[in-house]
């Protein structure tokens, strides 16, 4: 069994066709979004792993497990109407309503300020 020696491997950013990081090289000056310390690197790795598809699939699995545990297991911490699960949904709706009302109030104040300056 032949193994690749260190001289056979390509270095990142070298532009050699086998270099898988050649597209990353022009953007190395940007750095990590969360910073450069150990926590920032872990946060960056976590954020990249839990992108939208993985997040949606994992969230769906959590909800299905939640419902399954409450329907078929003897420990029912959230009975059939799933009040706890529904409260989370209601909380999301309340946050949305609050955001809309804040935006409406901000636009009202902005229009009053603009009208006062024009008078």
Foldseek 3Di string as FASTA:
>chain_A
DDDDDPVNDDDACPPDPVHPNVVVVVVVVVDQPQDDDPVSVVVSVVDVVCDPVNVVVVVVVVVVVLQCCQPPPPDHPAHDVRVVVVVVVVVVVVVVVVVVVVVVVVVVVVVVVVVVVVD
